Every structure is written in structure tokens, then in C-alpha cells.
């Protein structure tokens, strides 16, 4: 689709085909998609970006028609509030009462883990976006689960590229939840040259990092060579406040992955910091990303963010699969179609790995540059880490 056509349609995309009505008998002329996400709660910012991206992506992938093979795409929004029990209940309601053919979401890994058995019970696909924990496509996985979002191993392997060097000592700082613990486990598995000296886990809602940071400093300060704190954090709280504890005095650096733009405002304090990211709007060079960036600027006067791209990618996967089945939502036919399927996204081509349905995708090694024109630290591309360069473990024991 030409960019100007997409821009003309963008305004309608975010609101079109969204439904919050009570359940009713499914029309044969509809494909019903439930989006269960954190519309409110600790990860609200992430969830709202995903929803925007999903609607823009469906609009783009269908050429503005919001139909596949003559069937109207109907999106049913569900707010899990970041609560596992609620997410589980809402997904069951979506499949049973709302007659959803397929579901997308959720935002938080803990909610996703609660939802996985529901997809298996109802024998319906759950396309996970953006929950990250390895266990979702690992030991808790079932055949109805696909994921366009990156997993903990993809985060970890790409970030290890930036910091895993001889003579480096690393301590980790993470949230004490599935996201944090799976992230650190995958990072430890990925680090081959550097020495890991300490793991610090703090409650997800932590705002005072002093005690945890002091434990990390005590472990790192007398180590020889380069010393790094690798941070895995999502949502509220600013772990980068630990820089106020005079880390430079001990020669301690900070490293982390990408994040949403408001959170990356803190990165301006760390020029030259290296890490790896899932997405930054200025990095990928392809027609789909150009279309997303143009449409988002047109609609919101801002660039698309980290999770907007993820929602867009999930839409591209859905429409690619539905076009291949001629709009048939039969679950077994969709699974057969999606296993090994490649599809275009704002990050370029992704492919669902047949063994665990994890989307294989590029990640981006960056170095932070401070540019007065931007309110955040700008991740300048060092290099694209392509899917074939990452030996992402299959953890589902299939």
C-alpha cells in the first residue's frame, strides 16, 4: 500500500471495528478477534500502545477494508488490569460468550501464563503480544500458543552481544516476577565470557532502589576490570536512579535493553551506554515500518513506540494467516498455516518457529546518543542482530 493511502486511513484505524458489546451469535461474515490487554494497571502504557498498533496493523494489512475474504474483522477489547485471574476469566469469556475465533495478548507475563491453559481448553489460538517470559513458549507452552513478541532469550542473547566480553563482571537487577526471573535466567545462559557475580530481585512496584543498589555495589566495587549492572525492568519505578549513588566512583556502568520512549528519557544520563532493543522507530528500514511511522505521526504527531510495533506485527501475522486460509478460522487449519509461516512487520520479516511457535526476528545492538532534539536517549544502531545469528533455545520439551 502507498504511504499516502495508509495515512488517509490511519485516523479511522484506531477506532474502527472495535466492539465492547455483550455476547451474541457469531455472524458467518465476521472474524472475531479478542484483545486481552492491560488497558489499565501497572503496564497500561504498554497495553495502549499494543492496541493502537494492532488496529493500525489490521487496517494496513487489509488495505483499509478491515475485511479478509469478505469477512469483517471485529476486535473485542478486554481489560485484564494486569491481574492473572482476571485475564484468565476474560479469555474464557471471549472464547465462549463472545465467540472469539482467536485472541491476542496479554501485556504482562504473569497474566499470559494464567491464560495459556484456557487457550488449550477451548482449542483456540492465543497470539501472545507482548508478554516476554521464556516459559510462555517454554515449559508452560501448548500448541495453541503463538508469539510475535520477543521472548526473554531473544532479549538476553542480543544484550549479551553488547556486554559479554573478557574481563567484564556483571551484576543483574530485575523485578521479582516471571518477566524479571526468566530474563535473568536467559541472560545467564547467554553470557559466555563475562563473569556474573550477583542477582538482585526487587518487588515489581519498587520505587526506592537504595538497599538493592547497595548490595550490588558491594559485590562489584572491588572487582577488577570493567563492571556493569544489567537492568531488566518494566512498568513503574525508575531503577536508573541508582546512578545517583555515585557509581562512577567505583567505575560501575549501567546496561539495559530498549524501552518505551518516556522511560528512555532516563537514558539521556548515560551517553555511550550499550544494549540491545526489540524496536526503535528510527532503526528498521523497510516499507512496513515507513508506513507505520508515517501513519502514527499523522494520527498522533508522535513516532510509534516500542509496543506499537508489536501490536502492528501481531496484526500482520493474523491477516497473513487468514488470507492464506481464505478467511477460514478453523483452529487446526490456522495452526498448520502458521507453523513455519513468514510475514512482514515493521522490523522486517518474522517467522514462526515450528517447534514452539516463537517468532524468530531481528534485534538491534545500540549505543545511546544524546540529541537535544529528542526528549529521550537516542539508540543509535551499532548493528542488526539477525535471527540466524541468535541460537534461541527451544524450551518447551515438545
Protein backbone atom coordinates (compact mmCIF):
# COMPACT_ATOMS: atom_id res chain seq x y z
CA UNK A 1 0.00 0.00 0.00
CA UNK A 2 1.24 3.51 -0.78
CA UNK A 3 2.05 5.66 2.21
CA UNK A 4 -0.47 8.38 1.30
CA UNK A 5 -3.26 5.80 1.17
CA UNK A 6 -2.33 4.48 4.59
CA UNK A 7 -2.20 7.98 6.06
CA UNK A 8 -5.68 8.70 4.78
CA UNK A 9 -6.94 5.60 6.53
CA UNK A 10 -4.97 5.92 9.74
CA UNK A 11 -7.44 8.09 11.60
CA UNK A 12 -10.16 5.51 11.26
CA UNK A 13 -7.89 2.61 12.11
CA UNK A 14 -7.62 3.12 15.84
CA UNK A 15 -11.36 3.23 16.43
CA UNK A 16 -12.81 1.17 13.59
CA UNK A 17 -14.10 -2.33 14.18
CA UNK A 18 -13.72 -2.15 17.97
CA UNK A 19 -16.51 -3.79 19.94
CA UNK A 20 -17.33 -3.96 23.62
CA UNK A 21 -20.91 -5.22 23.26
CA UNK A 22 -22.32 -8.25 25.08
CA UNK A 23 -22.07 -11.66 23.52
CA UNK A 24 -24.22 -12.57 20.57
CA UNK A 25 -24.35 -15.24 17.93
CA UNK A 26 -21.40 -15.02 15.61
CA UNK A 27 -22.15 -13.88 12.08
CA UNK A 28 -20.69 -16.05 9.34
CA UNK A 29 -19.48 -12.82 7.79
CA UNK A 30 -17.21 -11.96 10.73
CA UNK A 31 -13.81 -12.92 12.10
CA UNK A 32 -13.85 -12.14 15.80
CA UNK A 33 -10.57 -11.24 17.50
CA UNK A 34 -10.37 -10.77 21.28
CA UNK A 35 -7.63 -8.44 22.50
CA UNK A 36 -7.00 -9.06 26.20
CA UNK A 37 -4.51 -6.49 27.49
CA UNK A 38 -3.65 -4.04 30.26
CA UNK A 39 -5.92 -1.17 29.32
CA UNK A 40 -5.40 -0.12 32.94
CA UNK A 41 -2.95 -1.24 35.61
CA UNK A 42 0.84 -1.11 36.05
CA UNK A 43 1.57 -1.77 32.35
CA UNK A 44 -1.18 0.46 30.96
CA UNK A 45 1.22 2.41 28.74
CA UNK A 46 2.43 -0.80 27.11
CA UNK A 47 -1.10 -2.13 26.62
CA UNK A 48 -2.44 1.01 24.99
CA UNK A 49 0.46 1.09 22.54
CA UNK A 50 -0.22 -2.53 21.61
CA UNK A 51 -3.89 -1.79 20.97
CA UNK A 52 -3.03 1.19 18.76
CA UNK A 53 -0.53 -0.92 16.82
CA UNK A 54 -2.97 -3.81 16.45
CA UNK A 55 -5.68 -1.59 14.94
CA UNK A 56 -3.26 0.25 12.65
CA UNK A 57 -1.78 -3.08 11.58
CA UNK A 58 -5.14 -4.67 10.78
CA UNK A 59 -6.05 -1.60 8.77
CA UNK A 60 -2.77 -1.65 6.85
CA UNK A 61 -2.72 -5.39 6.24
CA UNK A 62 -6.28 -5.37 4.83
CA UNK A 63 -5.73 -2.33 2.62
CA UNK A 64 -8.10 -0.29 4.76
CA UNK A 65 -11.06 -2.64 4.31
CA UNK A 66 -10.86 -4.32 7.74
CA UNK A 67 -12.01 -7.48 5.97
CA UNK A 68 -10.40 -10.75 4.87
CA UNK A 69 -12.05 -12.68 2.04
CA UNK A 70 -15.21 -10.65 2.56
CA UNK A 71 -15.35 -11.29 6.31
CA UNK A 72 -15.35 -8.28 8.63
CA UNK A 73 -12.67 -8.18 11.33
CA UNK A 74 -14.29 -7.44 14.70
CA UNK A 75 -11.97 -6.65 17.62
CA UNK A 76 -13.31 -7.19 21.15
CA UNK A 77 -11.33 -5.36 23.83
CA UNK A 78 -10.86 -6.84 27.31
CA UNK A 79 -9.03 -5.08 30.17
CA UNK A 80 -7.13 -7.60 32.34
CA UNK A 81 -5.74 -4.78 34.56
CA UNK A 82 -2.50 -6.77 34.81
CA UNK A 83 -4.25 -9.37 37.03
CA UNK A 84 -3.66 -13.07 36.15
CA UNK A 85 -7.00 -14.38 37.47
CA UNK A 86 -8.92 -11.65 35.64
CA UNK A 87 -7.04 -12.27 32.40
CA UNK A 88 -7.82 -15.97 32.62
CA UNK A 89 -11.53 -15.29 33.18
CA UNK A 90 -11.74 -12.71 30.40
CA UNK A 91 -10.14 -15.02 27.87
CA UNK A 92 -12.60 -17.80 28.73
CA UNK A 93 -15.46 -15.33 28.32
CA UNK A 94 -14.06 -14.16 24.99
CA UNK A 95 -13.85 -17.67 23.60
CA UNK A 96 -17.20 -18.88 24.99
CA UNK A 97 -19.64 -15.97 25.25
CA UNK A 98 -18.14 -13.58 22.69
CA UNK A 99 -17.40 -16.39 20.23
CA UNK A 100 -13.89 -15.09 19.54
CA UNK A 101 -12.15 -17.06 16.80
CA UNK A 102 -8.71 -16.06 18.01
CA UNK A 103 -7.21 -13.96 20.81
CA UNK A 104 -4.26 -11.56 21.08
CA UNK A 105 -2.43 -10.51 24.24
CA UNK A 106 -1.76 -10.06 27.07
CA UNK A 107 0.68 -7.38 28.23
CA UNK A 108 2.10 -8.98 31.39
CA UNK A 109 3.89 -12.33 31.51
CA UNK A 110 2.12 -13.41 34.70
CA UNK A 111 -1.24 -12.87 33.02
CA UNK A 112 -0.10 -14.77 29.93
CA UNK A 113 0.93 -17.79 31.99
CA UNK A 114 -2.53 -17.87 33.58
CA UNK A 115 -4.18 -17.66 30.16
CA UNK A 116 -2.27 -20.45 28.39
CA UNK A 117 -4.41 -23.35 29.73
CA UNK A 118 -7.58 -21.50 28.66
CA UNK A 119 -6.48 -21.49 25.03
CA UNK A 120 -5.83 -25.22 25.32
CA UNK A 121 -9.19 -25.86 26.99
CA UNK A 122 -11.13 -24.03 24.27
CA UNK A 123 -8.81 -25.22 21.48
CA UNK A 124 -8.41 -21.67 20.18
CA UNK A 125 -5.26 -19.76 19.23
CA UNK A 126 -3.78 -17.21 21.62
CA UNK A 127 -1.29 -14.97 19.82
CA UNK A 128 0.92 -13.64 22.63
CA UNK A 129 1.92 -10.00 22.27
CA UNK A 130 3.87 -8.54 24.03
CA UNK A 131 4.39 -10.72 27.18
CA UNK A 132 8.05 -11.79 27.22
CA UNK A 133 8.77 -14.61 29.71
CA UNK A 134 10.51 -17.62 28.13
CA UNK A 135 8.16 -20.01 29.92
CA UNK A 136 5.23 -18.85 27.74
CA UNK A 137 6.74 -20.63 24.75
CA UNK A 138 8.76 -22.86 27.11
CA UNK A 139 7.67 -25.32 29.75
CA UNK A 140 4.14 -23.83 30.06
CA UNK A 141 3.52 -23.82 26.29
CA UNK A 142 0.81 -25.68 24.37
CA UNK A 143 0.17 -25.99 20.63
CA UNK A 144 -2.44 -23.20 20.59
CA UNK A 145 0.14 -20.59 21.64
CA UNK A 146 1.99 -18.42 19.11
CA UNK A 147 4.06 -15.34 19.95
CA UNK A 148 5.02 -12.35 17.80
CA UNK A 149 6.60 -10.57 20.79
CA UNK A 150 10.23 -11.29 21.54
CA UNK A 151 11.00 -13.72 24.36
CA UNK A 152 13.44 -13.45 27.26
CA UNK A 153 16.09 -15.42 25.37
CA UNK A 154 15.99 -13.08 22.38
CA UNK A 155 16.34 -10.12 24.75
CA UNK A 156 19.17 -11.81 26.62
CA UNK A 157 21.16 -13.11 23.66
CA UNK A 158 21.10 -9.73 21.93
CA UNK A 159 22.03 -7.83 25.08
CA UNK A 160 24.87 -10.27 25.74
CA UNK A 161 26.28 -9.27 22.35
CA UNK A 162 26.77 -5.78 23.78
CA UNK A 163 28.37 -6.64 27.14
CA UNK A 164 29.65 -10.22 27.15
CA UNK A 165 33.40 -9.66 26.91
CA UNK A 166 36.51 -10.96 28.64
CA UNK A 167 37.42 -9.02 31.79
CA UNK A 168 33.85 -7.86 32.43
CA UNK A 169 31.99 -8.51 35.70
CA UNK A 170 28.20 -8.21 35.66
CA UNK A 171 25.51 -7.95 38.33
CA UNK A 172 21.84 -8.06 37.39
CA UNK A 173 18.95 -6.00 38.74
CA UNK A 174 15.46 -7.30 37.91
CA UNK A 175 11.86 -7.41 39.04
CA UNK A 176 10.88 -10.35 41.17
CA UNK A 177 8.33 -11.75 38.73
CA UNK A 178 8.17 -14.06 35.69
CA UNK A 179 9.47 -11.33 33.38
CA UNK A 180 12.45 -10.49 35.59
CA UNK A 181 13.46 -14.00 36.61
CA UNK A 182 13.07 -15.50 33.13
CA UNK A 183 15.03 -12.54 31.74
CA UNK A 184 17.95 -13.04 34.11
CA UNK A 185 17.96 -16.82 33.61
CA UNK A 186 18.14 -16.37 29.83
CA UNK A 187 20.85 -13.72 30.21
CA UNK A 188 22.95 -16.03 32.41
CA UNK A 189 22.59 -18.78 29.80
CA UNK A 190 23.75 -16.35 27.10
CA UNK A 191 26.82 -14.93 28.83
CA UNK A 192 29.92 -16.96 27.93
CA UNK A 193 32.92 -14.66 28.56
CA UNK A 194 32.00 -12.19 31.30
CA UNK A 195 31.68 -13.13 34.99
CA UNK A 196 28.29 -12.91 36.72
CA UNK A 197 28.71 -12.00 40.37
CA UNK A 198 25.25 -11.16 41.78
CA UNK A 199 21.50 -11.29 41.05
CA UNK A 200 19.28 -8.70 42.73
CA UNK A 201 15.49 -9.13 42.58
CA UNK A 202 13.16 -6.42 43.87
CA UNK A 203 9.34 -6.17 44.02
CA UNK A 204 7.80 -5.05 40.73
CA UNK A 205 6.43 -1.84 42.29
CA UNK A 206 9.75 -0.78 43.88
CA UNK A 207 10.41 2.96 43.92
CA UNK A 208 13.31 3.08 46.41
CA UNK A 209 16.25 1.16 44.95
CA UNK A 210 18.79 2.19 47.59
CA UNK A 211 19.12 -1.06 49.52
CA UNK A 212 19.23 -3.26 46.41
CA UNK A 213 21.71 -0.98 44.69
CA UNK A 214 23.98 -1.00 47.74
CA UNK A 215 24.07 -4.81 47.71
CA UNK A 216 25.05 -4.71 44.03
CA UNK A 217 27.73 -2.06 44.62
CA UNK A 218 29.23 -4.09 47.46
CA UNK A 219 29.54 -7.08 45.12
CA UNK A 220 31.02 -5.11 42.22
CA UNK A 221 33.17 -2.34 43.66
CA UNK A 222 36.32 -4.38 44.31
CA UNK A 223 36.14 -6.41 41.09
CA UNK A 224 38.95 -5.84 38.56
CA UNK A 225 38.27 -4.68 35.02
CA UNK A 226 35.01 -3.39 33.61
CA UNK A 227 31.98 -3.58 35.93
CA UNK A 228 28.37 -3.50 34.66
CA UNK A 229 24.89 -3.57 36.19
CA UNK A 230 22.46 -5.11 33.69
CA UNK A 231 18.89 -3.97 34.36
CA UNK A 232 15.68 -5.85 33.46
CA UNK A 233 12.69 -3.68 34.37
CA UNK A 234 9.19 -2.94 33.08
CA UNK A 235 6.47 -0.53 34.11
CA UNK A 236 6.59 1.81 37.09
CA UNK A 237 9.70 2.66 39.08
CA UNK A 238 12.96 4.08 37.79
CA UNK A 239 15.87 1.75 38.54
CA UNK A 240 18.22 4.18 36.80
CA UNK A 241 18.05 6.28 39.95
CA UNK A 242 20.83 4.04 41.24
CA UNK A 243 23.21 6.17 39.17
CA UNK A 244 22.75 8.82 41.87
CA UNK A 245 24.68 6.54 44.24
CA UNK A 246 27.96 7.66 42.67
CA UNK A 247 28.51 4.54 40.57
CA UNK A 248 31.27 6.34 38.65
CA UNK A 249 33.33 6.47 41.83
CA UNK A 250 33.59 2.68 41.62
CA UNK A 251 33.88 2.54 37.84
CA UNK A 252 30.46 0.85 37.57
CA UNK A 253 28.45 1.19 34.35
CA UNK A 254 24.80 0.51 33.56
CA UNK A 255 23.46 -1.50 30.64
CA UNK A 256 19.89 -2.34 29.66
CA UNK A 257 17.64 -3.13 26.72
CA UNK A 258 15.22 -0.89 24.87
CA UNK A 259 12.02 0.52 26.35
CA UNK A 260 9.18 2.91 25.64
CA UNK A 261 10.22 6.47 24.83
CA UNK A 262 9.12 8.04 28.16
CA UNK A 263 11.25 5.51 30.05
CA UNK A 264 14.18 6.20 27.74
CA UNK A 265 14.28 9.80 28.95
CA UNK A 266 16.46 8.39 31.74
CA UNK A 267 18.90 7.08 29.11
CA UNK A 268 20.00 10.67 28.38
CA UNK A 269 22.06 10.42 31.56
CA UNK A 270 24.06 7.54 30.07
CA UNK A 271 25.63 8.63 26.78
CA UNK A 272 27.51 5.76 25.19
CA UNK A 273 25.52 3.11 27.09
CA UNK A 274 25.23 -0.10 25.07
CA UNK A 275 22.43 -2.62 24.95
CA UNK A 276 20.01 -4.22 22.54
CA UNK A 277 16.42 -3.38 21.70
CA UNK A 278 13.39 -5.03 20.15
CA UNK A 279 12.36 -1.86 18.26
CA UNK A 280 13.08 1.83 17.86
CA UNK A 281 11.20 3.66 15.14
CA UNK A 282 14.32 5.14 13.54
CA UNK A 283 16.20 1.85 13.11
CA UNK A 284 14.42 -0.59 10.73
CA UNK A 285 14.48 0.37 7.06
CA UNK A 286 11.57 -1.28 5.27
CA UNK A 287 8.23 -0.26 3.70
CA UNK A 288 6.07 -1.56 6.57
CA UNK A 289 7.98 0.49 9.16
CA UNK A 290 7.87 3.56 6.93
CA UNK A 291 4.09 3.16 6.67
CA UNK A 292 3.69 2.72 10.44
CA UNK A 293 5.86 5.75 11.24
CA UNK A 294 4.02 7.94 8.71
CA UNK A 295 0.57 6.86 9.90
CA UNK A 296 1.46 7.31 13.58
CA UNK A 297 2.86 10.81 13.02
CA UNK A 298 -0.27 11.68 11.05
CA UNK A 299 -2.61 10.43 13.77
CA UNK A 300 -0.74 11.34 16.98
CA UNK A 301 2.01 13.80 15.97
CA UNK A 302 4.50 11.43 17.61
CA UNK A 303 6.55 8.43 16.45
CA UNK A 304 5.32 4.88 17.07
CA UNK A 305 6.76 3.38 20.22
CA UNK A 306 8.19 0.04 21.34
CA UNK A 307 4.90 -1.81 21.79
CA UNK A 308 3.07 -0.09 18.93
CA UNK A 309 5.33 -2.01 16.58
CA UNK A 310 4.50 -5.23 18.43
CA UNK A 311 0.76 -4.75 18.06
CA UNK A 312 1.27 -3.98 14.37
CA UNK A 313 3.33 -7.16 13.97
CA UNK A 314 0.61 -9.29 15.58
CA UNK A 315 -1.92 -7.86 13.13
CA UNK A 316 0.35 -8.65 10.19
CA UNK A 317 0.68 -12.24 11.41
CA UNK A 318 -3.08 -12.67 11.81
CA UNK A 319 -4.01 -11.25 8.43
CA UNK A 320 -1.24 -13.18 6.66
CA UNK A 321 -2.58 -16.42 8.16
CA UNK A 322 -6.23 -15.60 7.49
CA UNK A 323 -5.52 -14.68 3.89
CA UNK A 324 -3.71 -17.99 3.48
CA UNK A 325 -6.76 -19.91 4.79
CA UNK A 326 -9.20 -17.85 2.73
CA UNK A 327 -10.70 -16.41 5.91
CA UNK A 328 -11.24 -19.86 7.43
CA UNK A 329 -10.82 -19.65 11.24
CA UNK A 330 -10.67 -23.40 11.85
CA UNK A 331 -8.03 -23.73 14.58
CA UNK A 332 -6.23 -26.77 13.20
CA UNK A 333 -6.06 -25.18 9.75
CA UNK A 334 -4.66 -21.96 11.28
CA UNK A 335 -2.05 -23.86 13.30
CA UNK A 336 -0.92 -25.76 10.20
CA UNK A 337 -0.76 -22.49 8.26
CA UNK A 338 1.09 -20.52 10.94
CA UNK A 339 3.76 -23.09 11.81
CA UNK A 340 6.82 -22.02 9.83
CA UNK A 341 4.92 -19.04 8.36
CA UNK A 342 6.87 -15.88 7.48
CA UNK A 343 5.24 -12.45 7.50
CA UNK A 344 6.28 -8.83 7.08
CA UNK A 345 6.41 -6.50 10.10
CA UNK A 346 7.84 -3.06 10.99
CA UNK A 347 11.00 -4.98 11.98
CA UNK A 348 11.23 -6.78 8.67
CA UNK A 349 10.43 -10.43 8.16
CA UNK A 350 9.45 -12.65 11.10
CA UNK A 351 8.95 -16.42 11.00
CA UNK A 352 7.04 -18.59 13.48
CA UNK A 353 9.38 -21.40 14.50
CA UNK A 354 7.52 -24.69 14.04
CA UNK A 355 8.81 -26.25 17.27
CA UNK A 356 7.48 -23.65 19.73
CA UNK A 357 5.65 -21.03 17.63
CA UNK A 358 8.06 -18.29 18.75
CA UNK A 359 8.57 -15.59 16.13
CA UNK A 360 12.19 -15.51 15.00
CA UNK A 361 13.14 -11.87 14.47
CA UNK A 362 15.95 -9.34 14.37
CA UNK A 363 17.16 -7.45 17.43
CA UNK A 364 19.22 -4.26 17.42
CA UNK A 365 22.53 -3.62 19.22
CA UNK A 366 22.59 0.09 20.08
CA UNK A 367 24.71 2.78 21.68
CA UNK A 368 22.95 5.73 23.33
CA UNK A 369 23.47 9.17 21.81
CA UNK A 370 22.23 12.38 23.44
CA UNK A 371 20.49 14.63 20.92
CA UNK A 372 18.87 17.89 22.15
CA UNK A 373 16.11 17.43 19.57
CA UNK A 374 14.79 14.37 21.42
CA UNK A 375 13.44 14.06 24.98
CA UNK A 376 14.95 10.58 25.27
CA UNK A 377 18.36 9.00 24.81
CA UNK A 378 18.54 8.00 21.14
CA UNK A 379 19.58 4.39 20.48
CA UNK A 380 21.95 4.58 17.52
CA UNK A 381 22.27 1.32 15.65
CA UNK A 382 25.57 -0.49 16.09
CA UNK A 383 24.33 -3.47 14.12
CA UNK A 384 21.27 -5.55 13.39
CA UNK A 385 21.43 -8.97 15.05
CA UNK A 386 19.60 -11.21 12.61
CA UNK A 387 17.51 -14.25 13.60
CA UNK A 388 20.00 -16.72 12.19
CA UNK A 389 22.74 -15.23 14.40
CA UNK A 390 20.83 -15.98 17.61
CA UNK A 391 20.74 -19.54 18.91
CA UNK A 392 17.41 -19.11 20.71
CA UNK A 393 16.81 -22.26 22.81
CA UNK A 394 13.69 -24.36 22.35
CA UNK A 395 12.48 -24.73 25.94
CA UNK A 396 9.09 -26.44 25.61
CA UNK A 397 10.28 -30.08 25.66
CA UNK A 398 7.93 -30.78 22.79
